[in-house]
Amino acid sequence: MRDEWGRGRVSGLEDLKMILKTTTIWASFIPLAILNGVFREKCLVPLLGQHLALPLSGISGSILFFLLTYRTLPWLGPLRRT
């Protein structure tokens, strides 16, 4: 039996696995953001002041998020075309 996208029953399990993997990756952004904020407040603000620390923290957070995403993409596996 196929669904409206032409996929079989196995795809439901594959979809659930993909949802769990992407949720795990998304949830890992939370501690990363907290660590970035702690680094900003403990290291950057005392050294550079709030005026420079905030944009630098934004840049470093963006880089961390990119690296996390880049490193976890192979774990997701190949994307299917529907």
Protein backbone atom coordinates (compact mmCIF):
# COMPACT_ATOMS: atom_id res chain seq x y z
CA MET A 1 0.00 0.00 0.00
CA ARG A 2 1.29 3.44 -0.95
CA ASP A 3 0.57 6.85 0.52
CA GLU A 4 -0.30 9.97 -1.49
CA TRP A 5 3.39 10.57 -2.25
CA GLY A 6 3.92 7.07 -3.62
CA ARG A 7 5.90 5.83 -0.63
CA GLY A 8 5.43 2.47 1.05
CA ARG A 9 4.86 1.69 4.72
CA VAL A 10 8.59 1.74 5.49
CA SER A 11 8.70 5.47 4.79
CA GLY A 12 6.67 6.16 7.94
CA LEU A 13 9.45 4.67 10.05
CA GLU A 14 12.07 6.52 8.01
CA ASP A 15 10.14 9.75 8.51
CA LEU A 16 10.02 9.16 12.27
CA LYS A 17 13.79 8.53 12.34
CA MET A 18 14.40 11.74 10.40
CA ILE A 19 12.15 13.72 12.76
CA LEU A 20 14.01 12.34 15.79
CA LYS A 21 17.41 13.09 14.26
CA THR A 22 16.52 16.64 13.26
CA THR A 23 14.93 17.28 16.67
CA THR A 24 18.11 16.07 18.35
CA ILE A 25 20.21 18.40 16.21
CA TRP A 26 17.85 21.30 16.85
CA ALA A 27 17.87 20.63 20.61
CA SER A 28 21.67 20.60 20.63
CA PHE A 29 21.56 24.28 19.61
CA ILE A 30 20.26 25.14 23.09
CA PRO A 31 23.34 24.19 25.14
CA LEU A 32 25.54 25.60 22.39
CA ALA A 33 23.77 28.95 22.64
CA ILE A 34 24.05 28.88 26.44
CA LEU A 35 27.79 28.17 26.24
CA ASN A 36 28.17 30.99 23.73
CA GLY A 37 26.39 33.36 26.11
CA VAL A 38 28.53 32.27 29.07
CA PHE A 39 31.67 32.79 26.98
CA ARG A 40 30.43 36.26 26.03
CA GLU A 41 29.64 37.31 29.59
CA LYS A 42 32.71 35.77 31.25
CA CYS A 43 35.36 36.47 28.61
CA LEU A 44 34.33 38.91 25.91
CA VAL A 45 32.48 41.55 27.96
CA PRO A 46 35.32 42.01 30.49
CA LEU A 47 37.90 42.24 27.68
CA LEU A 48 36.03 44.23 25.04
CA GLY A 49 32.99 45.76 26.70
CA GLN A 50 29.32 45.13 25.94
CA HIS A 51 29.40 47.23 22.76
CA LEU A 52 31.84 44.88 20.96
CA ALA A 53 31.10 41.65 22.82
CA LEU A 54 27.50 41.39 21.65
CA PRO A 55 28.15 41.43 17.88
CA LEU A 56 31.20 39.18 18.28
CA SER A 57 29.06 36.75 20.24
CA GLY A 58 26.50 36.77 17.45
CA ILE A 59 29.20 35.98 14.91
CA SER A 60 30.74 33.24 17.05
CA GLY A 61 27.28 31.76 17.72
CA SER A 62 26.53 31.71 14.00
CA ILE A 63 29.83 29.97 13.31
CA LEU A 64 29.14 27.39 16.03
CA PHE A 65 25.65 26.70 14.66
CA PHE A 66 27.03 26.34 11.15
CA LEU A 67 29.75 23.93 12.31
CA LEU A 68 27.26 21.84 14.27
CA THR A 69 24.94 21.67 11.27
CA TYR A 70 27.79 20.86 8.89
CA ARG A 71 29.12 18.10 11.15
CA THR A 72 25.71 16.47 11.65
CA LEU A 73 24.51 16.50 8.02
CA PRO A 74 26.18 13.15 7.19
CA TRP A 75 24.34 11.61 10.17
CA LEU A 76 21.01 12.49 8.55
CA GLY A 77 21.84 10.41 5.50
CA PRO A 78 20.92 11.03 1.89
CA LEU A 79 17.77 12.98 1.21
CA ARG A 80 15.09 11.27 -0.84
CA ARG A 81 13.41 12.87 -3.78
CA THR A 82 9.67 12.51 -3.70
